[in-house]
Amino acid sequence: MSQKVLLSSKEIHIILHRLACQLIENHLDFKDTVLIGIQPRGKFLADRLIRILRDDYQVGDIPLGYLDITFYRDDFRRGEKPLEANKTQIDFLVEDKKVVFIDDVLYTGRSIRAALTAIQSFGRPAEIELLTLIDRRFSRHLPIQPDYRGRQVDAINKEKVRVMWKENEGEDVIYLVGN
């Protein structure tokens, strides 16, 4: 199995700051905006973005939640092993808010479709946007595109994008992993 570094720690740092600035540009004071990390992997990206927005750009009081989409996925009964659910943690109203979904890799679009269904349990947002660190073009099964993207990647065949976070795996790095 081969792996190639797609983004180094420094490149990830730069991209995260760019994404934070794009959010500020489009949402200014975040008065009517909430950020929601899609569990499990979007949580790390959402946490990092909130920290950058608060610490580096002095944007305070942005509601942040985490959405578990496990049982909303269209493939959740298809595997052999039982799925383990993550925890949804949304302690604010999404009714009439601008919701920004945050996930690390946009691949087929099925996770986002599941998130669109799951969020309806918490109210009807005024608008939903998608922020993703890695956008795997050419692999979409559904017509879903990000509003904010860190990097576009053309991964082919069975190649996988592996995002590693310092908080979880001990380092910030993104690999393209081949067979």
C-alpha atoms as a PDB file:
ATOM      1  CA  MET A   1       0.000   0.000   0.000  1.00  0.00           C
ATOM      2  CA  SER A   2       1.484   3.339  -1.034  1.00  0.00           C
ATOM      3  CA  GLN A   3       0.737   6.726   0.463  1.00  0.00           C
ATOM      4  CA  LYS A   4       1.628  10.191  -0.705  1.00  0.00           C
ATOM      5  CA  VAL A   5       1.403  13.379   1.365  1.00  0.00           C
ATOM      6  CA  LEU A   6      -1.368  15.558  -0.066  1.00  0.00           C
ATOM      7  CA  LEU A   7      -1.117  18.311   2.548  1.00  0.00           C
ATOM      8  CA  SER A   8       1.499  18.934   5.200  1.00  0.00           C
ATOM      9  CA  SER A   9       0.826  20.444   8.617  1.00  0.00           C
ATOM     10  CA  LYS A  10       1.828  23.905   7.363  1.00  0.00           C
ATOM     11  CA  GLU A  11      -0.445  23.651   4.306  1.00  0.00           C
ATOM     12  CA  ILE A  12      -3.363  22.501   6.485  1.00  0.00           C
ATOM     13  CA  HIS A  13      -2.745  25.473   8.803  1.00  0.00           C
ATOM     14  CA  ILE A  14      -2.869  27.916   5.865  1.00  0.00           C
ATOM     15  CA  ILE A  15      -6.009  26.312   4.408  1.00  0.00           C
ATOM     16  CA  LEU A  16      -7.820  26.376   7.767  1.00  0.00           C
ATOM     17  CA  HIS A  17      -7.117  30.101   8.111  1.00  0.00           C
ATOM     18  CA  ARG A  18      -8.350  30.715   4.558  1.00  0.00           C
ATOM     19  CA  LEU A  19     -11.558  28.785   5.279  1.00  0.00           C
ATOM     20  CA  ALA A  20     -12.049  30.748   8.517  1.00  0.00           C
ATOM     21  CA  CYS A  21     -11.636  34.032   6.616  1.00  0.00           C
ATOM     22  CA  GLN A  22     -14.148  32.902   3.980  1.00  0.00           C
ATOM     23  CA  LEU A  23     -16.653  32.118   6.751  1.00  0.00           C
ATOM     24  CA  ILE A  24     -16.108  35.574   8.273  1.00  0.00           C
ATOM     25  CA  GLU A  25     -16.511  37.193   4.870  1.00  0.00           C
ATOM     26  CA  ASN A  26     -19.873  35.489   4.299  1.00  0.00           C
ATOM     27  CA  HIS A  27     -21.254  35.504   7.868  1.00  0.00           C
ATOM     28  CA  LEU A  28     -19.648  38.611   9.463  1.00  0.00           C
ATOM     29  CA  ASP A  29     -20.827  38.514  13.099  1.00  0.00           C
ATOM     30  CA  PHE A  30     -22.298  34.975  12.886  1.00  0.00           C
ATOM     31  CA  LYS A  31     -25.464  36.350  14.558  1.00  0.00           C
ATOM     32  CA  ASP A  32     -27.756  33.985  12.621  1.00  0.00           C
ATOM     33  CA  THR A  33     -25.186  31.291  11.811  1.00  0.00           C
ATOM     34  CA  VAL A  34     -24.455  27.949  13.484  1.00  0.00           C
ATOM     35  CA  LEU A  35     -21.631  25.529  12.693  1.00  0.00           C
ATOM     36  CA  ILE A  36     -22.289  21.788  12.763  1.00  0.00           C
ATOM     37  CA  GLY A  37     -19.530  19.184  12.505  1.00  0.00           C
ATOM     38  CA  ILE A  38     -20.662  15.945  10.914  1.00  0.00           C
ATOM     39  CA  GLN A  39     -19.668  13.023  13.114  1.00  0.00           C
ATOM     40  CA  PRO A  40     -17.247  11.414  13.395  1.00  0.00           C
ATOM     41  CA  ARG A  41     -14.487  13.114  11.355  1.00  0.00           C
ATOM     42  CA  GLY A  42     -16.027  16.545  10.806  1.00  0.00           C
ATOM     43  CA  LYS A  43     -15.837  17.162  14.544  1.00  0.00           C
ATOM     44  CA  PHE A  44     -12.057  17.695  14.467  1.00  0.00           C
ATOM     45  CA  LEU A  45     -12.286  20.179  11.596  1.00  0.00           C
ATOM     46  CA  ALA A  46     -15.190  22.048  13.233  1.00  0.00           C
ATOM     47  CA  ASP A  47     -13.325  22.280  16.562  1.00  0.00           C
ATOM     48  CA  ARG A  48     -10.217  23.585  14.827  1.00  0.00           C
ATOM     49  CA  LEU A  49     -12.153  26.200  12.833  1.00  0.00           C
ATOM     50  CA  ILE A  50     -13.986  27.459  15.931  1.00  0.00           C
ATOM     51  CA  ARG A  51     -10.671  27.800  17.761  1.00  0.00           C
ATOM     52  CA  ILE A  52      -9.171  29.790  14.857  1.00  0.00           C
ATOM     53  CA  LEU A  53     -12.251  32.020  14.581  1.00  0.00           C
ATOM     54  CA  ARG A  54     -12.222  32.765  18.330  1.00  0.00           C
ATOM     55  CA  ASP A  55      -8.502  32.989  19.034  1.00  0.00           C
ATOM     56  CA  ASP A  56      -7.065  34.459  15.831  1.00  0.00           C
ATOM     57  CA  TYR A  57      -9.973  36.535  14.521  1.00  0.00           C
ATOM     58  CA  GLN A  58     -11.809  37.394  17.778  1.00  0.00           C
ATOM     59  CA  VAL A  59     -15.169  36.131  16.514  1.00  0.00           C
ATOM     60  CA  GLY A  60     -17.016  35.220  19.679  1.00  0.00           C
ATOM     61  CA  ASP A  61     -20.039  33.191  20.563  1.00  0.00           C
ATOM     62  CA  ILE A  62     -20.548  30.985  17.497  1.00  0.00           C
ATOM     63  CA  PRO A  63     -22.876  28.080  18.255  1.00  0.00           C
ATOM     64  CA  LEU A  64     -21.133  24.773  17.481  1.00  0.00           C
ATOM     65  CA  GLY A  65     -22.803  21.392  17.378  1.00  0.00           C
ATOM     66  CA  TYR A  66     -22.083  17.862  16.217  1.00  0.00           C
ATOM     67  CA  LEU A  67     -24.486  15.773  14.147  1.00  0.00           C
ATOM     68  CA  ASP A  68     -24.515  11.980  14.057  1.00  0.00           C
ATOM     69  CA  ILE A  69     -25.794  10.720  10.707  1.00  0.00           C
ATOM     70  CA  THR A  70     -25.243   6.982  11.258  1.00  0.00           C
ATOM     71  CA  PHE A  71     -28.885   5.895  11.071  1.00  0.00           C
ATOM     72  CA  TYR A  72     -29.797   8.390   8.353  1.00  0.00           C
ATOM     73  CA  ARG A  73     -27.341   6.897   5.860  1.00  0.00           C
ATOM     74  CA  ASP A  74     -28.843   4.949   2.970  1.00  0.00           C
ATOM     75  CA  ASP A  75     -26.231   2.214   3.443  1.00  0.00           C
ATOM     76  CA  PHE A  76     -26.439   1.724   7.213  1.00  0.00           C
ATOM     77  CA  ARG A  77     -28.005  -1.762   6.971  1.00  0.00           C
ATOM     78  CA  ARG A  78     -25.763  -2.995   4.194  1.00  0.00           C
ATOM     79  CA  GLY A  79     -22.606  -3.985   6.069  1.00  0.00           C
ATOM     80  CA  GLU A  80     -21.841  -7.139   7.979  1.00  0.00           C
ATOM     81  CA  LYS A  81     -20.763  -5.526  11.240  1.00  0.00           C
ATOM     82  CA  PRO A  82     -23.096  -3.470  13.416  1.00  0.00           C
ATOM     83  CA  LEU A  83     -22.587   0.276  13.162  1.00  0.00           C
ATOM     84  CA  GLU A  84     -21.536   2.290  16.167  1.00  0.00           C
ATOM     85  CA  ALA A  85     -23.389   5.549  16.512  1.00  0.00           C
ATOM     86  CA  ASN A  86     -21.666   8.768  17.514  1.00  0.00           C
ATOM     87  CA  LYS A  87     -23.244  11.391  19.691  1.00  0.00           C
ATOM     88  CA  THR A  88     -25.358  14.223  18.344  1.00  0.00           C
ATOM     89  CA  GLN A  89     -24.805  17.334  20.393  1.00  0.00           C
ATOM     90  CA  ILE A  90     -26.878  20.302  19.237  1.00  0.00           C
ATOM     91  CA  ASP A  91     -28.030  22.443  22.161  1.00  0.00           C
ATOM     92  CA  PHE A  92     -29.394  25.361  20.153  1.00  0.00           C
ATOM     93  CA  LEU A  93     -32.183  25.946  17.664  1.00  0.00           C
ATOM     94  CA  VAL A  94     -31.476  25.671  13.955  1.00  0.00           C
ATOM     95  CA  GLU A  95     -34.889  27.067  13.010  1.00  0.00           C
ATOM     96  CA  ASP A  96     -34.369  30.000  10.592  1.00  0.00           C
ATOM     97  CA  LYS A  97     -30.574  29.884  11.095  1.00  0.00           C
ATOM     98  CA  LYS A  98     -27.838  29.652   8.517  1.00  0.00           C
ATOM     99  CA  VAL A  99     -26.311  26.230   9.103  1.00  0.00           C
ATOM    100  CA  VAL A 100     -22.783  25.443   7.952  1.00  0.00           C
ATOM    101  CA  PHE A 101     -22.136  21.693   7.779  1.00  0.00           C
ATOM    102  CA  ILE A 102     -18.466  20.856   8.305  1.00  0.00           C
ATOM    103  CA  ASP A 103     -16.880  17.586   7.177  1.00  0.00           C
ATOM    104  CA  ASP A 104     -13.311  16.583   6.424  1.00  0.00           C
ATOM    105  CA  VAL A 105     -13.747  14.826   3.061  1.00  0.00           C
ATOM    106  CA  LEU A 106     -16.548  15.175   0.517  1.00  0.00           C
ATOM    107  CA  TYR A 107     -16.596  11.933  -1.439  1.00  0.00           C
ATOM    108  CA  THR A 108     -19.866  10.484  -2.789  1.00  0.00           C
ATOM    109  CA  GLY A 109     -22.150  13.064  -1.143  1.00  0.00           C
ATOM    110  CA  ARG A 110     -24.117  10.412   0.743  1.00  0.00           C
ATOM    111  CA  SER A 111     -23.011  11.655   4.186  1.00  0.00           C
ATOM    112  CA  ILE A 112     -24.209  15.135   3.328  1.00  0.00           C
ATOM    113  CA  ARG A 113     -27.533  13.792   2.063  1.00  0.00           C
ATOM    114  CA  ALA A 114     -27.913  11.982   5.378  1.00  0.00           C
ATOM    115  CA  ALA A 115     -27.025  15.166   7.277  1.00  0.00           C
ATOM    116  CA  LEU A 116     -29.664  17.111   5.336  1.00  0.00           C
ATOM    117  CA  THR A 117     -32.258  14.579   6.484  1.00  0.00           C
ATOM    118  CA  ALA A 118     -30.984  14.398  10.080  1.00  0.00           C
ATOM    119  CA  ILE A 119     -30.923  18.170  10.637  1.00  0.00           C
ATOM    120  CA  GLN A 120     -34.671  18.355   9.974  1.00  0.00           C
ATOM    121  CA  SER A 121     -35.206  16.817  13.441  1.00  0.00           C
ATOM    122  CA  PHE A 122     -33.824  20.042  14.934  1.00  0.00           C
ATOM    123  CA  GLY A 123     -35.904  22.525  12.941  1.00  0.00           C
ATOM    124  CA  ARG A 124     -35.948  24.110   9.514  1.00  0.00           C
ATOM    125  CA  PRO A 125     -32.796  26.090   8.739  1.00  0.00           C
ATOM    126  CA  ALA A 126     -33.068  29.226   6.614  1.00  0.00           C
ATOM    127  CA  GLU A 127     -30.069  28.073   4.597  1.00  0.00           C
ATOM    128  CA  ILE A 128     -27.492  25.278   4.620  1.00  0.00           C
ATOM    129  CA  GLU A 129     -23.903  25.551   3.399  1.00  0.00           C
ATOM    130  CA  LEU A 130     -21.168  22.937   3.211  1.00  0.00           C
ATOM    131  CA  LEU A 131     -17.534  23.399   4.199  1.00  0.00           C
ATOM    132  CA  THR A 132     -15.133  20.560   3.469  1.00  0.00           C
ATOM    133  CA  LEU A 133     -11.383  20.281   3.815  1.00  0.00           C
ATOM    134  CA  ILE A 134     -10.960  17.869   0.886  1.00  0.00           C
ATOM    135  CA  ASP A 135     -13.267  17.725  -2.113  1.00  0.00           C
ATOM    136  CA  ARG A 136     -12.825  14.514  -4.100  1.00  0.00           C
ATOM    137  CA  ARG A 137     -14.197  15.656  -7.461  1.00  0.00           C
ATOM    138  CA  PHE A 138     -15.178  12.866  -9.934  1.00  0.00           C
ATOM    139  CA  SER A 139     -16.523  10.526  -7.221  1.00  0.00           C
ATOM    140  CA  ARG A 140     -19.899  12.059  -6.472  1.00  0.00           C
ATOM    141  CA  HIS A 141     -22.986   9.858  -6.496  1.00  0.00           C
ATOM    142  CA  LEU A 142     -25.274  12.808  -5.715  1.00  0.00           C
ATOM    143  CA  PRO A 143     -25.358  16.392  -7.010  1.00  0.00           C
ATOM    144  CA  ILE A 144     -23.783  17.926  -3.904  1.00  0.00           C
ATOM    145  CA  GLN A 145     -20.990  20.510  -4.018  1.00  0.00           C
ATOM    146  CA  PRO A 146     -19.206  22.384  -1.214  1.00  0.00           C
ATOM    147  CA  ASP A 147     -19.609  26.127  -0.670  1.00  0.00           C
ATOM    148  CA  TYR A 148     -16.155  26.204   0.945  1.00  0.00           C
ATOM    149  CA  ARG A 149     -13.379  23.783   0.047  1.00  0.00           C
ATOM    150  CA  GLY A 150      -9.850  23.496   1.318  1.00  0.00           C
ATOM    151  CA  ARG A 151      -8.375  21.523  -1.571  1.00  0.00           C
ATOM    152  CA  GLN A 152      -9.778  19.704  -4.559  1.00  0.00           C
ATOM    153  CA  VAL A 153      -8.332  16.242  -5.139  1.00  0.00           C
ATOM    154  CA  ASP A 154      -8.615  13.951  -8.118  1.00  0.00           C
ATOM    155  CA  ALA A 155      -8.385  10.536  -6.499  1.00  0.00           C
ATOM    156  CA  ILE A 156      -8.876   7.650  -8.876  1.00  0.00           C
ATOM    157  CA  ASN A 157      -9.953   4.030  -8.605  1.00  0.00           C
ATOM    158  CA  LYS A 158      -9.592   2.751  -5.072  1.00  0.00           C
ATOM    159  CA  GLU A 159      -7.400   5.590  -3.766  1.00  0.00           C
ATOM    160  CA  LYS A 160      -8.439   6.944  -0.389  1.00  0.00           C
ATOM    161  CA  VAL A 161      -7.893  10.271   1.288  1.00  0.00           C
ATOM    162  CA  ARG A 162      -6.736   9.881   4.892  1.00  0.00           C
ATOM    163  CA  VAL A 163      -7.003  12.964   7.106  1.00  0.00           C
ATOM    164  CA  MET A 164      -5.003  12.854  10.325  1.00  0.00           C
ATOM    165  CA  TRP A 165      -5.495  15.401  13.111  1.00  0.00           C
ATOM    166  CA  LYS A 166      -3.036  16.218  15.862  1.00  0.00           C
ATOM    167  CA  GLU A 167      -5.838  15.857  18.427  1.00  0.00           C
ATOM    168  CA  ASN A 168      -6.624  12.315  17.314  1.00  0.00           C
ATOM    169  CA  GLU A 169      -3.668  10.760  15.463  1.00  0.00           C
ATOM    170  CA  GLY A 170      -0.847  12.909  16.828  1.00  0.00           C
ATOM    171  CA  GLU A 171      -0.084  14.930  13.683  1.00  0.00           C
ATOM    172  CA  ASP A 172      -1.765  17.121  11.092  1.00  0.00           C
ATOM    173  CA  VAL A 173      -1.249  15.552   7.678  1.00  0.00           C
ATOM    174  CA  ILE A 174      -3.394  14.375   4.782  1.00  0.00           C
ATOM    175  CA  TYR A 175      -2.396  11.357   2.693  1.00  0.00           C
ATOM    176  CA  LEU A 176      -3.575   9.948  -0.596  1.00  0.00           C
ATOM    177  CA  VAL A 177      -3.447   6.212  -0.017  1.00  0.00           C
ATOM    178  CA  GLY A 178      -3.267   3.780  -2.938  1.00  0.00           C
ATOM    179  CA  ASN A 179      -3.439  -0.013  -3.204  1.00  0.00           C
END
